[in-house]
Amino acid sequence: MNMNENVDERLVAAVMDDTQSDIDIARIAVEKIRQGAESIAAGMHGRSNVTAAFEHHDGTPMSPEEVLAHQCAHAASIGKSLGQDFLQKAPPALLEQFSAVAGNRNVADSGAMLVGLLHGFMIAFATKETEERALKAMLEVARICHEANNLRGTTFGQASE
């Protein structure tokens, strides 16, 4: 086993401990975040990319290794909440960017946030009095997604993804 594999296994173990995820989800999360970071660094995913700048509770910046672990934990949280299949299908660069923003904004649980969003939409859409507003809100999110893709030069969330 080379040094990189040892580091990955330590990172996988840390992610499992932090998120109480199973090993498969933790490994997928680590691999996706690494793939996403590499493709973004290579310039393969447009412009307007977010840089993870996580801080400790006392305001001191996290080391690059700590940032990576936290991004992987956000990805694992998504896999734990929405399922391994969802995590596997998520574009690595989008997952990396989402986890960067979640960490920068101190989101406690990315998976729970997304599940809450889905359940909230389902509740609003399934209620006669709020159905139309829920649909309008979803269409507004789709419009913002299109705008963000134009700004970034990407196609995330479109049929080909």
C-alpha atoms as a PDB file:
ATOM      1  CA  MET A   1       0.000   0.000   0.000  1.00  0.00           C
ATOM      2  CA  ASN A   2       1.416   3.398  -0.914  1.00  0.00           C
ATOM      3  CA  MET A   3       1.285   6.511   1.262  1.00  0.00           C
ATOM      4  CA  ASN A   4      -1.711   7.963  -0.599  1.00  0.00           C
ATOM      5  CA  GLU A   5      -3.759   4.833   0.125  1.00  0.00           C
ATOM      6  CA  ASN A   6      -2.847   5.101   3.822  1.00  0.00           C
ATOM      7  CA  VAL A   7      -3.928   8.742   3.859  1.00  0.00           C
ATOM      8  CA  ASP A   8      -7.178   7.860   2.092  1.00  0.00           C
ATOM      9  CA  GLU A   9      -7.980   5.107   4.598  1.00  0.00           C
ATOM     10  CA  ARG A  10      -7.325   7.492   7.503  1.00  0.00           C
ATOM     11  CA  LEU A  11      -9.555  10.059   5.804  1.00  0.00           C
ATOM     12  CA  VAL A  12     -12.265   7.440   5.228  1.00  0.00           C
ATOM     13  CA  ALA A  13     -12.080   6.447   8.899  1.00  0.00           C
ATOM     14  CA  ALA A  14     -12.326  10.090   9.999  1.00  0.00           C
ATOM     15  CA  VAL A  15     -15.344  10.659   7.750  1.00  0.00           C
ATOM     16  CA  MET A  16     -17.032   7.527   9.106  1.00  0.00           C
ATOM     17  CA  ASP A  17     -16.445   8.691  12.673  1.00  0.00           C
ATOM     18  CA  ASP A  18     -17.688  12.209  11.963  1.00  0.00           C
ATOM     19  CA  THR A  19     -20.854  11.248  10.079  1.00  0.00           C
ATOM     20  CA  GLN A  20     -21.600   7.761  11.413  1.00  0.00           C
ATOM     21  CA  SER A  21     -21.738   6.645   7.763  1.00  0.00           C
ATOM     22  CA  ASP A  22     -20.881   3.181   6.559  1.00  0.00           C
ATOM     23  CA  ILE A  23     -17.557   2.522   4.890  1.00  0.00           C
ATOM     24  CA  ASP A  24     -18.987   2.429   1.361  1.00  0.00           C
ATOM     25  CA  ILE A  25     -20.535   5.882   1.663  1.00  0.00           C
ATOM     26  CA  ALA A  26     -17.395   7.275   3.301  1.00  0.00           C
ATOM     27  CA  ARG A  27     -15.198   5.895   0.505  1.00  0.00           C
ATOM     28  CA  ILE A  28     -17.479   7.267  -2.217  1.00  0.00           C
ATOM     29  CA  ALA A  29     -17.538  10.664  -0.496  1.00  0.00           C
ATOM     30  CA  VAL A  30     -13.735  10.811  -0.251  1.00  0.00           C
ATOM     31  CA  GLU A  31     -13.275   9.757  -3.868  1.00  0.00           C
ATOM     32  CA  LYS A  32     -15.916  12.201  -5.160  1.00  0.00           C
ATOM     33  CA  ILE A  33     -14.469  15.173  -3.281  1.00  0.00           C
ATOM     34  CA  ARG A  34     -10.947  14.323  -4.461  1.00  0.00           C
ATOM     35  CA  GLN A  35     -12.152  13.915  -8.079  1.00  0.00           C
ATOM     36  CA  GLY A  36     -14.087  17.169  -7.898  1.00  0.00           C
ATOM     37  CA  ALA A  37     -11.159  19.108  -6.466  1.00  0.00           C
ATOM     38  CA  GLU A  38      -8.808  17.719  -9.110  1.00  0.00           C
ATOM     39  CA  SER A  39     -11.129  18.552 -12.005  1.00  0.00           C
ATOM     40  CA  ILE A  40     -11.762  22.061 -10.685  1.00  0.00           C
ATOM     41  CA  ALA A  41      -8.024  22.637 -10.183  1.00  0.00           C
ATOM     42  CA  ALA A  42      -7.464  21.498 -13.772  1.00  0.00           C
ATOM     43  CA  GLY A  43      -9.978  24.102 -14.979  1.00  0.00           C
ATOM     44  CA  MET A  44     -12.431  21.519 -16.260  1.00  0.00           C
ATOM     45  CA  HIS A  45     -15.507  22.998 -14.580  1.00  0.00           C
ATOM     46  CA  GLY A  46     -15.895  26.547 -15.636  1.00  0.00           C
ATOM     47  CA  ARG A  47     -15.357  29.667 -13.653  1.00  0.00           C
ATOM     48  CA  SER A  48     -16.776  31.262 -10.510  1.00  0.00           C
ATOM     49  CA  ASN A  49     -15.640  28.321  -8.409  1.00  0.00           C
ATOM     50  CA  VAL A  50     -15.941  28.539  -4.636  1.00  0.00           C
ATOM     51  CA  THR A  51     -12.889  27.986  -2.449  1.00  0.00           C
ATOM     52  CA  ALA A  52     -13.396  26.163   0.826  1.00  0.00           C
ATOM     53  CA  ALA A  53     -12.251  28.451   3.634  1.00  0.00           C
ATOM     54  CA  PHE A  54     -13.437  26.665   6.755  1.00  0.00           C
ATOM     55  CA  GLU A  55     -12.654  27.964  10.214  1.00  0.00           C
ATOM     56  CA  HIS A  56     -12.504  26.434  13.651  1.00  0.00           C
ATOM     57  CA  HIS A  57     -14.968  27.655  16.279  1.00  0.00           C
ATOM     58  CA  ASP A  58     -12.325  30.106  17.536  1.00  0.00           C
ATOM     59  CA  GLY A  59     -12.036  31.681  14.054  1.00  0.00           C
ATOM     60  CA  THR A  60      -8.664  30.215  13.103  1.00  0.00           C
ATOM     61  CA  PRO A  61      -8.478  28.781   9.585  1.00  0.00           C
ATOM     62  CA  MET A  62      -8.482  25.018   9.146  1.00  0.00           C
ATOM     63  CA  SER A  63      -5.526  23.300   7.548  1.00  0.00           C
ATOM     64  CA  PRO A  64      -5.975  21.945   4.005  1.00  0.00           C
ATOM     65  CA  GLU A  65      -6.226  18.425   5.452  1.00  0.00           C
ATOM     66  CA  GLU A  66      -8.968  19.499   7.883  1.00  0.00           C
ATOM     67  CA  VAL A  67     -10.841  21.268   5.082  1.00  0.00           C
ATOM     68  CA  LEU A  68     -10.694  18.124   2.946  1.00  0.00           C
ATOM     69  CA  ALA A  69     -11.985  15.993   5.822  1.00  0.00           C
ATOM     70  CA  HIS A  70     -14.874  18.394   6.434  1.00  0.00           C
ATOM     71  CA  GLN A  71     -15.793  18.510   2.749  1.00  0.00           C
ATOM     72  CA  CYS A  72     -15.786  14.709   2.674  1.00  0.00           C
ATOM     73  CA  ALA A  73     -17.967  14.654   5.794  1.00  0.00           C
ATOM     74  CA  HIS A  74     -20.497  16.944   4.072  1.00  0.00           C
ATOM     75  CA  ALA A  75     -20.540  14.607   1.064  1.00  0.00           C
ATOM     76  CA  ALA A  76     -20.938  11.543   3.303  1.00  0.00           C
ATOM     77  CA  SER A  77     -23.814  13.246   5.111  1.00  0.00           C
ATOM     78  CA  ILE A  78     -25.552  13.648   1.766  1.00  0.00           C
ATOM     79  CA  GLY A  79     -24.950   9.991   0.947  1.00  0.00           C
ATOM     80  CA  LYS A  80     -26.200   8.895   4.343  1.00  0.00           C
ATOM     81  CA  SER A  81     -29.362  11.010   4.022  1.00  0.00           C
ATOM     82  CA  LEU A  82     -30.175  10.600   0.322  1.00  0.00           C
ATOM     83  CA  GLY A  83     -28.588   7.219  -0.336  1.00  0.00           C
ATOM     84  CA  GLN A  84     -25.466   5.756  -1.814  1.00  0.00           C
ATOM     85  CA  ASP A  85     -26.957   5.782  -5.332  1.00  0.00           C
ATOM     86  CA  PHE A  86     -27.592   9.539  -5.147  1.00  0.00           C
ATOM     87  CA  LEU A  87     -24.041  10.114  -3.950  1.00  0.00           C
ATOM     88  CA  GLN A  88     -22.594   7.974  -6.732  1.00  0.00           C
ATOM     89  CA  LYS A  89     -24.573   9.843  -9.395  1.00  0.00           C
ATOM     90  CA  ALA A  90     -23.701  13.331  -8.104  1.00  0.00           C
ATOM     91  CA  PRO A  91     -21.172  15.112 -10.350  1.00  0.00           C
ATOM     92  CA  PRO A  92     -17.889  15.238  -8.355  1.00  0.00           C
ATOM     93  CA  ALA A  93     -17.194  18.913  -9.079  1.00  0.00           C
ATOM     94  CA  LEU A  94     -20.711  19.924  -8.047  1.00  0.00           C
ATOM     95  CA  LEU A  95     -20.468  17.875  -4.850  1.00  0.00           C
ATOM     96  CA  GLU A  96     -17.089  19.452  -4.080  1.00  0.00           C
ATOM     97  CA  GLN A  97     -18.458  22.951  -4.651  1.00  0.00           C
ATOM     98  CA  PHE A  98     -21.629  22.278  -2.638  1.00  0.00           C
ATOM     99  CA  SER A  99     -19.581  20.938   0.273  1.00  0.00           C
ATOM    100  CA  ALA A 100     -17.289  23.980   0.084  1.00  0.00           C
ATOM    101  CA  VAL A 101     -20.228  26.371   0.389  1.00  0.00           C
ATOM    102  CA  ALA A 102     -21.848  24.251   3.120  1.00  0.00           C
ATOM    103  CA  GLY A 103     -18.625  24.352   5.113  1.00  0.00           C
ATOM    104  CA  ASN A 104     -18.045  28.047   4.474  1.00  0.00           C
ATOM    105  CA  ARG A 105     -21.571  28.732   5.752  1.00  0.00           C
ATOM    106  CA  ASN A 106     -21.199  26.384   8.723  1.00  0.00           C
ATOM    107  CA  VAL A 107     -24.083  24.131   7.676  1.00  0.00           C
ATOM    108  CA  ALA A 108     -24.305  21.535  10.419  1.00  0.00           C
ATOM    109  CA  ASP A 109     -25.649  18.653   8.300  1.00  0.00           C
ATOM    110  CA  SER A 110     -25.729  18.929   4.499  1.00  0.00           C
ATOM    111  CA  GLY A 111     -27.732  15.750   4.090  1.00  0.00           C
ATOM    112  CA  ALA A 112     -30.407  16.838   6.537  1.00  0.00           C
ATOM    113  CA  MET A 113     -30.580  20.232   4.810  1.00  0.00           C
ATOM    114  CA  LEU A 114     -31.243  18.616   1.420  1.00  0.00           C
ATOM    115  CA  VAL A 115     -33.751  16.144   2.840  1.00  0.00           C
ATOM    116  CA  GLY A 116     -35.546  19.047   4.535  1.00  0.00           C
ATOM    117  CA  LEU A 117     -35.649  20.899   1.221  1.00  0.00           C
ATOM    118  CA  LEU A 118     -37.132  17.893  -0.581  1.00  0.00           C
ATOM    119  CA  HIS A 119     -39.658  17.145   2.142  1.00  0.00           C
ATOM    120  CA  GLY A 120     -40.602  20.808   2.393  1.00  0.00           C
ATOM    121  CA  PHE A 121     -41.250  20.984  -1.335  1.00  0.00           C
ATOM    122  CA  MET A 122     -43.257  17.772  -1.212  1.00  0.00           C
ATOM    123  CA  ILE A 123     -45.413  19.086   1.637  1.00  0.00           C
ATOM    124  CA  ALA A 124     -45.997  22.443  -0.067  1.00  0.00           C
ATOM    125  CA  PHE A 125     -46.678  20.870  -3.480  1.00  0.00           C
ATOM    126  CA  ALA A 126     -49.050  18.264  -1.996  1.00  0.00           C
ATOM    127  CA  THR A 127     -51.159  20.916  -0.269  1.00  0.00           C
ATOM    128  CA  LYS A 128     -53.899  22.434  -2.400  1.00  0.00           C
ATOM    129  CA  GLU A 129     -53.480  25.931  -0.942  1.00  0.00           C
ATOM    130  CA  THR A 130     -49.712  26.053  -1.499  1.00  0.00           C
ATOM    131  CA  GLU A 131     -49.302  23.855  -4.591  1.00  0.00           C
ATOM    132  CA  GLU A 132     -49.035  26.749  -7.065  1.00  0.00           C
ATOM    133  CA  ARG A 133     -46.508  28.695  -4.957  1.00  0.00           C
ATOM    134  CA  ALA A 134     -44.404  25.564  -4.496  1.00  0.00           C
ATOM    135  CA  LEU A 135     -44.330  25.019  -8.248  1.00  0.00           C
ATOM    136  CA  LYS A 136     -43.372  28.666  -8.831  1.00  0.00           C
ATOM    137  CA  ALA A 137     -40.580  28.355  -6.251  1.00  0.00           C
ATOM    138  CA  MET A 138     -39.250  25.218  -7.951  1.00  0.00           C
ATOM    139  CA  LEU A 139     -39.297  26.964 -11.326  1.00  0.00           C
ATOM    140  CA  GLU A 140     -37.441  29.929  -9.772  1.00  0.00           C
ATOM    141  CA  VAL A 141     -34.756  27.561  -8.457  1.00  0.00           C
ATOM    142  CA  ALA A 142     -34.476  26.076 -11.962  1.00  0.00           C
ATOM    143  CA  ARG A 143     -34.085  29.606 -13.384  1.00  0.00           C
ATOM    144  CA  ILE A 144     -31.373  30.407 -10.821  1.00  0.00           C
ATOM    145  CA  CYS A 145     -29.648  27.102 -11.668  1.00  0.00           C
ATOM    146  CA  HIS A 146     -29.612  28.085 -15.353  1.00  0.00           C
ATOM    147  CA  GLU A 147     -28.189  31.514 -14.433  1.00  0.00           C
ATOM    148  CA  ALA A 148     -25.516  29.928 -12.226  1.00  0.00           C
ATOM    149  CA  ASN A 149     -24.538  27.507 -14.994  1.00  0.00           C
ATOM    150  CA  ASN A 150     -24.192  30.449 -17.392  1.00  0.00           C
ATOM    151  CA  LEU A 151     -21.988  32.310 -14.903  1.00  0.00           C
ATOM    152  CA  ARG A 152     -19.868  29.221 -14.273  1.00  0.00           C
ATOM    153  CA  GLY A 153     -19.795  27.950 -17.845  1.00  0.00           C
ATOM    154  CA  THR A 154     -21.177  24.579 -16.705  1.00  0.00           C
ATOM    155  CA  THR A 155     -24.223  22.382 -17.317  1.00  0.00           C
ATOM    156  CA  PHE A 156     -24.860  20.973 -13.831  1.00  0.00           C
ATOM    157  CA  GLY A 157     -28.375  19.694 -13.258  1.00  0.00           C
ATOM    158  CA  GLN A 158     -29.290  19.485 -16.915  1.00  0.00           C
ATOM    159  CA  ALA A 159     -30.563  16.340 -18.593  1.00  0.00           C
ATOM    160  CA  SER A 160     -27.076  15.268 -19.707  1.00  0.00           C
ATOM    161  CA  GLU A 161     -25.765  15.257 -16.096  1.00  0.00           C
END
